[in-house]
Amino acid sequence: AMNRVQLLGRVGQDPVMRQVDGKNPVTIFSLATNEMWRTGESETNQGGEIWRPTLLFLCNLGDISQKTTWHRISVFRPGLRDVTYQYVRKGSRIYVEGKIDYGEYTDKNNVRRQATTIIA
């Protein structure tokens, strides 16, 4: 089995470092990824590749649609966690590689919620 994610996008806010109940600290930030396609087509073309924004400016593809997806990124590894917290800033374009983690939490209104996180 394999659980691997590769993302290239822009950071949504400056990373924050949190520590809960004496556990190891974690650096958390959001990452936006964009997909583009011609209106009337599925989100991916026949070959399964996303239309590249650079191609959109080189040729007339008609009406273009865009979808932005936000990802929650958590960095636990000490060296990477600290470098991420110190140097990554809102608007930075970065590459993230990690795994998907599905979890549950209870919000402040005592409602159980599901959360998807990329563990980098």
PDB file of N, CA and C in Angstrom:
ATOM      1  N   ALA A   1       0.845  -1.188   0.000  1.00  0.00           N
ATOM      2  CA  ALA A   1       0.000   0.000   0.000  1.00  0.00           C
ATOM      3  C   ALA A   1       0.881   1.239   0.000  1.00  0.00           C
ATOM      4  N   MET A   2       0.351   2.306  -0.581  1.00  0.00           N
ATOM      5  CA  MET A   2       1.110   3.549  -0.653  1.00  0.00           C
ATOM      6  C   MET A   2       0.194   4.713  -0.302  1.00  0.00           C
ATOM      7  N   ASN A   3       0.700   5.639   0.482  1.00  0.00           N
ATOM      8  CA  ASN A   3      -0.007   6.861   0.837  1.00  0.00           C
ATOM      9  C   ASN A   3       0.983   7.996   0.638  1.00  0.00           C
ATOM     10  N   ARG A   4       0.950   8.614  -0.537  1.00  0.00           N
ATOM     11  CA  ARG A   4       1.922   9.648  -0.872  1.00  0.00           C
ATOM     12  C   ARG A   4       1.241  10.774  -1.635  1.00  0.00           C
ATOM     13  N   VAL A   5       1.552  12.009  -1.252  1.00  0.00           N
ATOM     14  CA  VAL A   5       0.965  13.192  -1.868  1.00  0.00           C
ATOM     15  C   VAL A   5       2.078  14.142  -2.268  1.00  0.00           C
ATOM     16  N   GLN A   6       1.964  14.746  -3.446  1.00  0.00           N
ATOM     17  CA  GLN A   6       2.887  15.772  -3.899  1.00  0.00           C
ATOM     18  C   GLN A   6       2.057  16.989  -4.288  1.00  0.00           C
ATOM     19  N   LEU A   7       2.376  18.138  -3.697  1.00  0.00           N
ATOM     20  CA  LEU A   7       1.635  19.361  -3.960  1.00  0.00           C
ATOM     21  C   LEU A   7       2.596  20.491  -4.289  1.00  0.00           C
ATOM     22  N   LEU A   8       2.189  21.350  -5.213  1.00  0.00           N
ATOM     23  CA  LEU A   8       2.924  22.566  -5.530  1.00  0.00           C
ATOM     24  C   LEU A   8       1.907  23.691  -5.492  1.00  0.00           C
ATOM     25  N   GLY A   9       2.130  24.648  -4.610  1.00  0.00           N
ATOM     26  CA  GLY A   9       1.147  25.720  -4.481  1.00  0.00           C
ATOM     27  C   GLY A   9       1.696  26.893  -3.710  1.00  0.00           C
ATOM     28  N   ARG A  10       0.769  27.756  -3.278  1.00  0.00           N
ATOM     29  CA  ARG A  10       1.133  28.963  -2.534  1.00  0.00           C
ATOM     30  C   ARG A  10       0.610  28.873  -1.107  1.00  0.00           C
ATOM     31  N   VAL A  11       1.441  29.328  -0.178  1.00  0.00           N
ATOM     32  CA  VAL A  11       1.108  29.300   1.242  1.00  0.00           C
ATOM     33  C   VAL A  11       0.037  30.351   1.529  1.00  0.00           C
ATOM     34  N   GLY A  12      -0.991  29.949   2.288  1.00  0.00           N
ATOM     35  CA  GLY A  12      -2.131  30.830   2.555  1.00  0.00           C
ATOM     36  C   GLY A  12      -1.940  31.771   3.727  1.00  0.00           C
ATOM     37  N   GLN A  13      -1.167  31.378   4.714  1.00  0.00           N
ATOM     38  CA  GLN A  13      -0.874  32.252   5.844  1.00  0.00           C
ATOM     39  C   GLN A  13       0.452  31.836   6.432  1.00  0.00           C
ATOM     40  N   ASP A  14       1.075  32.729   7.178  1.00  0.00           N
ATOM     41  CA  ASP A  14       2.352  32.390   7.814  1.00  0.00           C
ATOM     42  C   ASP A  14       2.170  31.154   8.694  1.00  0.00           C
ATOM     43  N   PRO A  15       3.109  30.218   8.663  1.00  0.00           N
ATOM     44  CA  PRO A  15       3.007  29.018   9.495  1.00  0.00           C
ATOM     45  C   PRO A  15       2.969  29.368  10.989  1.00  0.00           C
ATOM     46  N   VAL A  16       2.275  28.534  11.748  1.00  0.00           N
ATOM     47  CA  VAL A  16       2.248  28.666  13.203  1.00  0.00           C
ATOM     48  C   VAL A  16       2.788  27.373  13.799  1.00  0.00           C
ATOM     49  N   MET A  17       3.435  27.494  14.958  1.00  0.00           N
ATOM     50  CA  MET A  17       3.934  26.304  15.643  1.00  0.00           C
ATOM     51  C   MET A  17       3.071  26.084  16.881  1.00  0.00           C
ATOM     52  N   ARG A  18       2.607  24.840  17.053  1.00  0.00           N
ATOM     53  CA  ARG A  18       1.762  24.502  18.196  1.00  0.00           C
ATOM     54  C   ARG A  18       2.333  23.304  18.929  1.00  0.00           C
ATOM     55  N   GLN A  19       2.048  23.287  20.221  1.00  0.00           N
ATOM     56  CA  GLN A  19       2.423  22.135  21.046  1.00  0.00           C
ATOM     57  C   GLN A  19       1.243  21.840  21.958  1.00  0.00           C
ATOM     58  N   VAL A  20       0.784  20.584  21.936  1.00  0.00           N
ATOM     59  CA  VAL A  20      -0.392  20.208  22.709  1.00  0.00           C
ATOM     60  C   VAL A  20      -0.018  19.160  23.745  1.00  0.00           C
ATOM     61  N   ASP A  21      -0.388  19.395  24.971  1.00  0.00           N
ATOM     62  CA  ASP A  21      -0.233  18.423  26.062  1.00  0.00           C
ATOM     63  C   ASP A  21       1.160  17.796  26.136  1.00  0.00           C
ATOM     64  N   GLY A  22       2.200  18.596  26.005  1.00  0.00           N
ATOM     65  CA  GLY A  22       3.557  18.088  26.137  1.00  0.00           C
ATOM     66  C   GLY A  22       4.036  17.227  24.986  1.00  0.00           C
ATOM     67  N   LYS A  23       3.240  17.100  23.927  1.00  0.00           N
ATOM     68  CA  LYS A  23       3.666  16.334  22.751  1.00  0.00           C
ATOM     69  C   LYS A  23       4.665  17.156  21.942  1.00  0.00           C
ATOM     70  N   ASN A  24       5.270  16.517  20.954  1.00  0.00           N
ATOM     71  CA  ASN A  24       6.211  17.224  20.090  1.00  0.00           C
ATOM     72  C   ASN A  24       5.508  18.377  19.371  1.00  0.00           C
ATOM     73  N   PRO A  25       6.189  19.504  19.196  1.00  0.00           N
ATOM     74  CA  PRO A  25       5.594  20.632  18.481  1.00  0.00           C
ATOM     75  C   PRO A  25       5.323  20.277  17.013  1.00  0.00           C
ATOM     76  N   VAL A  26       4.411  21.006  16.403  1.00  0.00           N
ATOM     77  CA  VAL A  26       4.076  20.823  14.990  1.00  0.00           C
ATOM     78  C   VAL A  26       3.927  22.200  14.357  1.00  0.00           C
ATOM     79  N   THR A  27       4.435  22.351  13.131  1.00  0.00           N
ATOM     80  CA  THR A  27       4.230  23.581  12.365  1.00  0.00           C
ATOM     81  C   THR A  27       3.086  23.335  11.395  1.00  0.00           C
ATOM     82  N   ILE A  28       2.134  24.266  11.372  1.00  0.00           N
ATOM     83  CA  ILE A  28       0.916  24.103  10.571  1.00  0.00           C
ATOM     84  C   ILE A  28       0.752  25.312   9.656  1.00  0.00           C
ATOM     85  N   PHE A  29       0.343  25.050   8.404  1.00  0.00           N
ATOM     86  CA  PHE A  29       0.008  26.129   7.473  1.00  0.00           C
ATOM     87  C   PHE A  29      -0.939  25.586   6.419  1.00  0.00           C
ATOM     88  N   SER A  30      -1.555  26.493   5.666  1.00  0.00           N
ATOM     89  CA  SER A  30      -2.428  26.080   4.568  1.00  0.00           C
ATOM     90  C   SER A  30      -1.715  26.317   3.244  1.00  0.00           C
ATOM     91  N   LEU A  31      -2.057  25.495   2.263  1.00  0.00           N
ATOM     92  CA  LEU A  31      -1.460  25.576   0.933  1.00  0.00           C
ATOM     93  C   LEU A  31      -2.570  25.531  -0.102  1.00  0.00           C
ATOM     94  N   ALA A  32      -2.541  26.472  -1.038  1.00  0.00           N
ATOM     95  CA  ALA A  32      -3.536  26.517  -2.115  1.00  0.00           C
ATOM     96  C   ALA A  32      -2.934  25.932  -3.386  1.00  0.00           C
ATOM     97  N   THR A  33      -3.673  25.009  -4.009  1.00  0.00           N
ATOM     98  CA  THR A  33      -3.291  24.499  -5.325  1.00  0.00           C
ATOM     99  C   THR A  33      -4.384  24.885  -6.310  1.00  0.00           C
ATOM    100  N   ASN A  34      -3.996  25.113  -7.558  1.00  0.00           N
ATOM    101  CA  ASN A  34      -4.952  25.522  -8.594  1.00  0.00           C
ATOM    102  C   ASN A  34      -4.954  24.526  -9.737  1.00  0.00           C
ATOM    103  N   GLU A  35      -6.144  24.269 -10.249  1.00  0.00           N
ATOM    104  CA  GLU A  35      -6.311  23.463 -11.457  1.00  0.00           C
ATOM    105  C   GLU A  35      -7.024  24.333 -12.476  1.00  0.00           C
ATOM    106  N   MET A  36      -6.635  24.216 -13.745  1.00  0.00           N
ATOM    107  CA  MET A  36      -7.273  24.989 -14.803  1.00  0.00           C
ATOM    108  C   MET A  36      -7.673  24.050 -15.934  1.00  0.00           C
ATOM    109  N   TRP A  37      -8.805  24.359 -16.579  1.00  0.00           N
ATOM    110  CA  TRP A  37      -9.266  23.574 -17.712  1.00  0.00           C
ATOM    111  C   TRP A  37     -10.186  24.431 -18.570  1.00  0.00           C
ATOM    112  N   ARG A  38     -10.390  23.961 -19.800  1.00  0.00           N
ATOM    113  CA  ARG A  38     -11.307  24.654 -20.696  1.00  0.00           C
ATOM    114  C   ARG A  38     -12.731  24.364 -20.267  1.00  0.00           C
ATOM    115  N   THR A  39     -13.580  25.384 -20.279  1.00  0.00           N
ATOM    116  CA  THR A  39     -14.981  25.208 -19.918  1.00  0.00           C
ATOM    117  C   THR A  39     -15.620  24.183 -20.845  1.00  0.00           C
ATOM    118  N   GLY A  40     -16.444  23.325 -20.257  1.00  0.00           N
ATOM    119  CA  GLY A  40     -17.100  22.292 -21.043  1.00  0.00           C
ATOM    120  C   GLY A  40     -16.368  20.972 -21.010  1.00  0.00           C
ATOM    121  N   GLU A  41     -15.129  20.956 -20.543  1.00  0.00           N
ATOM    122  CA  GLU A  41     -14.378  19.718 -20.407  1.00  0.00           C
ATOM    123  C   GLU A  41     -14.382  19.309 -18.946  1.00  0.00           C
ATOM    124  N   SER A  42     -14.022  18.066 -18.714  1.00  0.00           N
ATOM    125  CA  SER A  42     -13.842  17.641 -17.328  1.00  0.00           C
ATOM    126  C   SER A  42     -12.648  18.391 -16.763  1.00  0.00           C
ATOM    127  N   GLU A  43     -12.428  18.273 -15.453  1.00  0.00           N
ATOM    128  CA  GLU A  43     -11.351  19.012 -14.819  1.00  0.00           C
ATOM    129  C   GLU A  43      -9.975  18.592 -15.312  1.00  0.00           C
ATOM    130  N   THR A  44      -9.867  17.430 -15.910  1.00  0.00           N
ATOM    131  CA  THR A  44      -8.598  17.009 -16.486  1.00  0.00           C
ATOM    132  C   THR A  44      -8.845  16.659 -17.944  1.00  0.00           C
ATOM    133  N   ASN A  45      -7.801  16.734 -18.760  1.00  0.00           N
ATOM    134  CA  ASN A  45      -7.962  16.405 -20.165  1.00  0.00           C
ATOM    135  C   ASN A  45      -7.912  14.888 -20.349  1.00  0.00           C
ATOM    136  N   GLN A  46      -7.966  14.441 -21.574  1.00  0.00           N
ATOM    137  CA  GLN A  46      -8.034  13.010 -21.877  1.00  0.00           C
ATOM    138  C   GLN A  46      -6.878  12.223 -21.285  1.00  0.00           C
ATOM    139  N   GLY A  47      -5.691  12.817 -21.244  1.00  0.00           N
ATOM    140  CA  GLY A  47      -4.520  12.121 -20.728  1.00  0.00           C
ATOM    141  C   GLY A  47      -4.402  12.167 -19.219  1.00  0.00           C
ATOM    142  N   GLY A  48      -5.314  12.883 -18.549  1.00  0.00           N
ATOM    143  CA  GLY A  48      -5.290  12.944 -17.105  1.00  0.00           C
ATOM    144  C   GLY A  48      -4.400  14.031 -16.536  1.00  0.00           C
ATOM    145  N   GLU A  49      -3.789  14.847 -17.391  1.00  0.00           N
ATOM    146  CA  GLU A  49      -2.923  15.903 -16.875  1.00  0.00           C
ATOM    147  C   GLU A  49      -3.706  17.208 -16.773  1.00  0.00           C
ATOM    148  N   ILE A  50      -3.388  17.979 -15.765  1.00  0.00           N
ATOM    149  CA  ILE A  50      -4.031  19.276 -15.568  1.00  0.00           C
ATOM    150  C   ILE A  50      -3.449  20.264 -16.575  1.00  0.00           C
ATOM    151  N   TRP A  51      -4.310  21.149 -17.126  1.00  0.00           N
ATOM    152  CA  TRP A  51      -3.810  22.188 -18.025  1.00  0.00           C
ATOM    153  C   TRP A  51      -2.849  23.064 -17.270  1.00  0.00           C
ATOM    154  N   ARG A  52      -1.717  23.325 -17.824  1.00  0.00           N
ATOM    155  CA  ARG A  52      -0.698  24.141 -17.195  1.00  0.00           C
ATOM    156  C   ARG A  52      -0.974  25.616 -17.476  1.00  0.00           C
ATOM    157  N   PRO A  53      -0.916  26.476 -16.451  1.00  0.00           N
ATOM    158  CA  PRO A  53      -1.165  27.900 -16.672  1.00  0.00           C
ATOM    159  C   PRO A  53      -0.263  28.509 -17.737  1.00  0.00           C
ATOM    160  N   THR A  54       0.985  28.041 -17.877  1.00  0.00           N
ATOM    161  CA  THR A  54       1.877  28.596 -18.881  1.00  0.00           C
ATOM    162  C   THR A  54       1.345  28.338 -20.283  1.00  0.00           C
ATOM    163  N   LEU A  55       0.684  27.215 -20.480  1.00  0.00           N
ATOM    164  CA  LEU A  55       0.118  26.908 -21.789  1.00  0.00           C
ATOM    165  C   LEU A  55      -1.065  27.814 -22.100  1.00  0.00           C
ATOM    166  N   LEU A  56      -1.774  28.257 -21.078  1.00  0.00           N
ATOM    167  CA  LEU A  56      -2.959  29.070 -21.291  1.00  0.00           C
ATOM    168  C   LEU A  56      -2.613  30.405 -21.953  1.00  0.00           C
ATOM    169  N   PHE A  57      -1.404  30.900 -21.729  1.00  0.00           N
ATOM    170  CA  PHE A  57      -1.020  32.179 -22.289  1.00  0.00           C
ATOM    171  C   PHE A  57      -0.390  32.033 -23.669  1.00  0.00           C
ATOM    172  N   LEU A  58      -0.033  30.814 -24.037  1.00  0.00           N
ATOM    173  CA  LEU A  58       0.629  30.591 -25.315  1.00  0.00           C
ATOM    174  C   LEU A  58      -0.339  30.247 -26.437  1.00  0.00           C
ATOM    175  N   CYS A  59      -1.518  29.761 -26.094  1.00  0.00           N
ATOM    176  CA  CYS A  59      -2.461  29.390 -27.142  1.00  0.00           C
ATOM    177  C   CYS A  59      -3.878  29.723 -26.684  1.00  0.00           C
ATOM    178  N   ASN A  60      -4.770  29.908 -27.628  1.00  0.00           N
ATOM    179  CA  ASN A  60      -6.146  30.270 -27.322  1.00  0.00           C
ATOM    180  C   ASN A  60      -6.935  29.008 -27.027  1.00  0.00           C
ATOM    181  N   LEU A  61      -7.269  28.798 -25.766  1.00  0.00           N
ATOM    182  CA  LEU A  61      -7.984  27.590 -25.375  1.00  0.00           C
ATOM    183  C   LEU A  61      -9.468  27.848 -25.135  1.00  0.00           C
ATOM    184  N   GLY A  62      -9.946  29.060 -25.373  1.00  0.00           N
ATOM    185  CA  GLY A  62     -11.347  29.365 -25.111  1.00  0.00           C
ATOM    186  C   GLY A  62     -11.539  29.787 -23.669  1.00  0.00           C
ATOM    187  N   ASP A  63     -12.756  29.563 -23.167  1.00  0.00           N
ATOM    188  CA  ASP A  63     -13.056  29.945 -21.784  1.00  0.00           C
ATOM    189  C   ASP A  63     -12.348  29.018 -20.813  1.00  0.00           C
ATOM    190  N   ILE A  64     -11.694  29.606 -19.844  1.00  0.00           N
ATOM    191  CA  ILE A  64     -10.900  28.849 -18.879  1.00  0.00           C
ATOM    192  C   ILE A  64     -11.604  28.858 -17.528  1.00  0.00           C
ATOM    193  N   SER A  65     -11.688  27.703 -16.906  1.00  0.00           N
ATOM    194  CA  SER A  65     -12.208  27.592 -15.549  1.00  0.00           C
ATOM    195  C   SER A  65     -11.053  27.254 -14.629  1.00  0.00           C
ATOM    196  N   GLN A  66     -11.191  27.645 -13.367  1.00  0.00           N
ATOM    197  CA  GLN A  66     -10.142  27.399 -12.396  1.00  0.00           C
ATOM    198  C   GLN A  66     -10.772  26.943 -11.094  1.00  0.00           C
ATOM    199  N   LYS A  67     -10.104  26.012 -10.439  1.00  0.00           N
ATOM    200  CA  LYS A  67     -10.540  25.538  -9.129  1.00  0.00           C
ATOM    201  C   LYS A  67      -9.354  25.632  -8.179  1.00  0.00           C
ATOM    202  N   THR A  68      -9.559  26.277  -7.035  1.00  0.00           N
ATOM    203  CA  THR A  68      -8.537  26.364  -6.003  1.00  0.00           C
ATOM    204  C   THR A  68      -8.915  25.416  -4.877  1.00  0.00           C
ATOM    205  N   THR A  69      -7.970  24.590  -4.457  1.00  0.00           N
ATOM    206  CA  THR A  69      -8.177  23.670  -3.345  1.00  0.00           C
ATOM    207  C   THR A  69      -7.212  24.036  -2.234  1.00  0.00           C
ATOM    208  N   TRP A  70      -7.729  24.110  -1.001  1.00  0.00           N
ATOM    209  CA  TRP A  70      -6.903  24.428   0.160  1.00  0.00           C
ATOM    210  C   TRP A  70      -6.563  23.163   0.910  1.00  0.00           C
ATOM    211  N   HIS A  71      -5.304  23.032   1.288  1.00  0.00           N
ATOM    212  CA  HIS A  71      -4.802  21.861   2.004  1.00  0.00           C
ATOM    213  C   HIS A  71      -4.204  22.310   3.337  1.00  0.00           C
ATOM    214  N   ARG A  72      -4.460  21.535   4.379  1.00  0.00           N
ATOM    215  CA  ARG A  72      -3.855  21.797   5.689  1.00  0.00           C
ATOM    216  C   ARG A  72      -2.589  20.955   5.772  1.00  0.00           C
ATOM    217  N   ILE A  73      -1.454  21.609   6.013  1.00  0.00           N
ATOM    218  CA  ILE A  73      -0.164  20.934   6.060  1.00  0.00           C
ATOM    219  C   ILE A  73       0.354  20.947   7.496  1.00  0.00           C
ATOM    220  N   SER A  74       0.792  19.784   7.993  1.00  0.00           N
ATOM    221  CA  SER A  74       1.395  19.671   9.322  1.00  0.00           C
ATOM    222  C   SER A  74       2.800  19.101   9.171  1.00  0.00           C
ATOM    223  N   VAL A  75       3.781  19.761   9.793  1.00  0.00           N
ATOM    224  CA  VAL A  75       5.176  19.326   9.712  1.00  0.00           C
ATOM    225  C   VAL A  75       5.638  18.964  11.119  1.00  0.00           C
ATOM    226  N   PHE A  76       5.964  17.686  11.334  1.00  0.00           N
ATOM    227  CA  PHE A  76       6.359  17.188  12.644  1.00  0.00           C
ATOM    228  C   PHE A  76       7.865  16.990  12.793  1.00  0.00           C
ATOM    229  N   ARG A  77       8.565  16.652  11.684  1.00  0.00           N
ATOM    230  CA  ARG A  77      10.005  16.363  11.773  1.00  0.00           C
ATOM    231  C   ARG A  77      10.760  17.588  12.269  1.00  0.00           C
ATOM    232  N   PRO A  78      11.566  17.449  13.343  1.00  0.00           N
ATOM    233  CA  PRO A  78      12.190  18.602  13.997  1.00  0.00           C
ATOM    234  C   PRO A  78      12.926  19.577  13.069  1.00  0.00           C
ATOM    235  N   GLY A  79      13.844  19.113  12.240  1.00  0.00           N
ATOM    236  CA  GLY A  79      14.588  20.029  11.373  1.00  0.00           C
ATOM    237  C   GLY A  79      13.691  20.725  10.371  1.00  0.00           C
ATOM    238  N   LEU A  80      12.859  19.966   9.692  1.00  0.00           N
ATOM    239  CA  LEU A  80      11.968  20.524   8.679  1.00  0.00           C
ATOM    240  C   LEU A  80      10.913  21.420   9.316  1.00  0.00           C
ATOM    241  N   ARG A  81      10.410  21.017  10.464  1.00  0.00           N
ATOM    242  CA  ARG A  81       9.400  21.796  11.193  1.00  0.00           C
ATOM    243  C   ARG A  81       9.935  23.194  11.515  1.00  0.00           C
ATOM    244  N   ASP A  82      11.174  23.263  12.007  1.00  0.00           N
ATOM    245  CA  ASP A  82      11.750  24.540  12.418  1.00  0.00           C
ATOM    246  C   ASP A  82      12.079  25.428  11.222  1.00  0.00           C
ATOM    247  N   VAL A  83      12.622  24.842  10.154  1.00  0.00           N
ATOM    248  CA  VAL A  83      12.936  25.605   8.943  1.00  0.00           C
ATOM    249  C   VAL A  83      11.649  26.149   8.316  1.00  0.00           C
ATOM    250  N   THR A  84      10.609  25.316   8.292  1.00  0.00           N
ATOM    251  CA  THR A  84       9.320  25.756   7.742  1.00  0.00           C
ATOM    252  C   THR A  84       8.794  26.947   8.530  1.00  0.00           C
ATOM    253  N   TYR A  85       8.818  26.837   9.846  1.00  0.00           N
ATOM    254  CA  TYR A  85       8.313  27.924  10.700  1.00  0.00           C
ATOM    255  C   TYR A  85       9.123  29.203  10.524  1.00  0.00           C
ATOM    256  N   GLN A  86      10.418  29.070  10.365  1.00  0.00           N
ATOM    257  CA  GLN A  86      11.295  30.235  10.298  1.00  0.00           C
ATOM    258  C   GLN A  86      11.286  30.935   8.937  1.00  0.00           C
ATOM    259  N   TYR A  87      11.204  30.176   7.835  1.00  0.00           N
ATOM    260  CA  TYR A  87      11.431  30.770   6.517  1.00  0.00           C
ATOM    261  C   TYR A  87      10.220  30.814   5.585  1.00  0.00           C
ATOM    262  N   VAL A  88       9.242  29.948   5.759  1.00  0.00           N
ATOM    263  CA  VAL A  88       8.082  29.934   4.854  1.00  0.00           C
ATOM    264  C   VAL A  88       7.136  31.066   5.256  1.00  0.00           C
ATOM    265  N   ARG A  89       6.639  31.807   4.273  1.00  0.00           N
ATOM    266  CA  ARG A  89       5.739  32.926   4.535  1.00  0.00           C
ATOM    267  C   ARG A  89       4.541  32.883   3.599  1.00  0.00           C
ATOM    268  N   LYS A  90       3.491  33.601   3.998  1.00  0.00           N
ATOM    269  CA  LYS A  90       2.289  33.718   3.174  1.00  0.00           C
ATOM    270  C   LYS A  90       2.686  34.153   1.767  1.00  0.00           C
ATOM    271  N   GLY A  91       2.143  33.465   0.767  1.00  0.00           N
ATOM    272  CA  GLY A  91       2.437  33.794  -0.624  1.00  0.00           C
ATOM    273  C   GLY A  91       3.600  33.023  -1.215  1.00  0.00           C
ATOM    274  N   SER A  92       4.425  32.380  -0.363  1.00  0.00           N
ATOM    275  CA  SER A  92       5.552  31.591  -0.871  1.00  0.00           C
ATOM    276  C   SER A  92       5.030  30.453  -1.744  1.00  0.00           C
ATOM    277  N   ARG A  93       5.720  30.198  -2.836  1.00  0.00           N
ATOM    278  CA  ARG A  93       5.381  29.044  -3.681  1.00  0.00           C
ATOM    279  C   ARG A  93       6.286  27.906  -3.256  1.00  0.00           C
ATOM    280  N   ILE A  94       5.696  26.824  -2.776  1.00  0.00           N
ATOM    281  CA  ILE A  94       6.501  25.718  -2.266  1.00  0.00           C
ATOM    282  C   ILE A  94       5.972  24.373  -2.756  1.00  0.00           C
ATOM    283  N   TYR A  95       6.858  23.394  -2.706  1.00  0.00           N
ATOM    284  CA  TYR A  95       6.551  22.001  -3.018  1.00  0.00           C
ATOM    285  C   TYR A  95       6.475  21.245  -1.694  1.00  0.00           C
ATOM    286  N   VAL A  96       5.413  20.465  -1.523  1.00  0.00           N
ATOM    287  CA  VAL A  96       5.227  19.677  -0.305  1.00  0.00           C
ATOM    288  C   VAL A  96       5.040  18.218  -0.702  1.00  0.00           C
ATOM    289  N   GLU A  97       5.735  17.347  -0.007  1.00  0.00           N
ATOM    290  CA  GLU A  97       5.565  15.909  -0.204  1.00  0.00           C
ATOM    291  C   GLU A  97       5.265  15.294   1.151  1.00  0.00           C
ATOM    292  N   GLY A  98       4.261  14.445   1.198  1.00  0.00           N
ATOM    293  CA  GLY A  98       3.896  13.826   2.464  1.00  0.00           C
ATOM    294  C   GLY A  98       2.840  12.762   2.281  1.00  0.00           C
ATOM    295  N   LYS A  99       2.045  12.536   3.328  1.00  0.00           N
ATOM    296  CA  LYS A  99       0.980  11.540   3.280  1.00  0.00           C
ATOM    297  C   LYS A  99      -0.320  12.159   3.766  1.00  0.00           C
ATOM    298  N   ILE A 100      -1.437  11.585   3.348  1.00  0.00           N
ATOM    299  CA  ILE A 100      -2.755  12.046   3.764  1.00  0.00           C
ATOM    300  C   ILE A 100      -3.120  11.391   5.089  1.00  0.00           C
ATOM    301  N   ASP A 101      -3.657  12.208   5.995  1.00  0.00           N
ATOM    302  CA  ASP A 101      -4.130  11.695   7.273  1.00  0.00           C
ATOM    303  C   ASP A 101      -5.568  12.170   7.471  1.00  0.00           C
ATOM    304  N   TYR A 102      -6.466  11.231   7.732  1.00  0.00           N
ATOM    305  CA  TYR A 102      -7.859  11.559   8.010  1.00  0.00           C
ATOM    306  C   TYR A 102      -8.085  11.427   9.502  1.00  0.00           C
ATOM    307  N   GLY A 103      -8.661  12.446  10.110  1.00  0.00           N
ATOM    308  CA  GLY A 103      -8.885  12.400  11.546  1.00  0.00           C
ATOM    309  C   GLY A 103     -10.195  13.057  11.920  1.00  0.00           C
ATOM    310  N   GLU A 104     -10.512  12.958  13.191  1.00  0.00           N
ATOM    311  CA  GLU A 104     -11.715  13.584  13.729  1.00  0.00           C
ATOM    312  C   GLU A 104     -11.336  14.446  14.916  1.00  0.00           C
ATOM    313  N   TYR A 105     -12.120  15.477  15.146  1.00  0.00           N
ATOM    314  CA  TYR A 105     -11.941  16.319  16.321  1.00  0.00           C
ATOM    315  C   TYR A 105     -13.303  16.845  16.740  1.00  0.00           C
ATOM    316  N   THR A 106     -13.384  17.373  17.940  1.00  0.00           N
ATOM    317  CA  THR A 106     -14.608  17.979  18.438  1.00  0.00           C
ATOM    318  C   THR A 106     -14.398  19.483  18.490  1.00  0.00           C
ATOM    319  N   ASP A 107     -15.267  20.246  17.815  1.00  0.00           N
ATOM    320  CA  ASP A 107     -15.102  21.693  17.770  1.00  0.00           C
ATOM    321  C   ASP A 107     -15.596  22.344  19.059  1.00  0.00           C
ATOM    322  N   LYS A 108     -15.510  23.675  19.117  1.00  0.00           N
ATOM    323  CA  LYS A 108     -15.861  24.398  20.340  1.00  0.00           C
ATOM    324  C   LYS A 108     -17.341  24.292  20.686  1.00  0.00           C
ATOM    325  N   ASN A 109     -18.180  23.912  19.708  1.00  0.00           N
ATOM    326  CA  ASN A 109     -19.613  23.712  19.957  1.00  0.00           C
ATOM    327  C   ASN A 109     -19.933  22.254  20.264  1.00  0.00           C
ATOM    328  N   ASN A 110     -18.887  21.471  20.534  1.00  0.00           N
ATOM    329  CA  ASN A 110     -19.023  20.054  20.871  1.00  0.00           C
ATOM    330  C   ASN A 110     -19.598  19.216  19.716  1.00  0.00           C
ATOM    331  N   VAL A 111     -19.280  19.612  18.496  1.00  0.00           N
ATOM    332  CA  VAL A 111     -19.712  18.878  17.304  1.00  0.00           C
ATOM    333  C   VAL A 111     -18.508  18.124  16.747  1.00  0.00           C
ATOM    334  N   ARG A 112     -18.686  16.840  16.447  1.00  0.00           N
ATOM    335  CA  ARG A 112     -17.586  16.051  15.864  1.00  0.00           C
ATOM    336  C   ARG A 112     -17.409  16.431  14.400  1.00  0.00           C
ATOM    337  N   ARG A 113     -16.178  16.689  14.032  1.00  0.00           N
ATOM    338  CA  ARG A 113     -15.846  17.081  12.670  1.00  0.00           C
ATOM    339  C   ARG A 113     -14.749  16.183  12.137  1.00  0.00           C
ATOM    340  N   GLN A 114     -14.695  16.088  10.799  1.00  0.00           N
ATOM    341  CA  GLN A 114     -13.631  15.341  10.146  1.00  0.00           C
ATOM    342  C   GLN A 114     -12.621  16.334   9.569  1.00  0.00           C
ATOM    343  N   ALA A 115     -11.357  15.942   9.566  1.00  0.00           N
ATOM    344  CA  ALA A 115     -10.309  16.812   9.028  1.00  0.00           C
ATOM    345  C   ALA A 115      -9.350  15.974   8.196  1.00  0.00           C
ATOM    346  N   THR A 116      -8.945  16.534   7.078  1.00  0.00           N
ATOM    347  CA  THR A 116      -7.934  15.916   6.220  1.00  0.00           C
ATOM    348  C   THR A 116      -6.678  16.764   6.317  1.00  0.00           C
ATOM    349  N   THR A 117      -5.560  16.138   6.619  1.00  0.00           N
ATOM    350  CA  THR A 117      -4.300  16.844   6.792  1.00  0.00           C
ATOM    351  C   THR A 117      -3.223  16.153   5.970  1.00  0.00           C
ATOM    352  N   ILE A 118      -2.324  16.944   5.397  1.00  0.00           N
ATOM    353  CA  ILE A 118      -1.135  16.403   4.745  1.00  0.00           C
ATOM    354  C   ILE A 118      -0.019  16.445   5.773  1.00  0.00           C
ATOM    355  N   ILE A 119       0.554  15.274   6.090  1.00  0.00           N
ATOM    356  CA  ILE A 119       1.662  15.186   7.018  1.00  0.00           C
ATOM    357  C   ILE A 119       2.948  15.221   6.194  1.00  0.00           C
ATOM    358  N   ALA A 120       3.695  16.336   6.325  1.00  0.00           N
ATOM    359  CA  ALA A 120       4.909  16.518   5.530  1.00  0.00           C
ATOM    360  C   ALA A 120       6.133  16.075   6.319  1.00  0.00           C
TER     361      ALA A 120
END
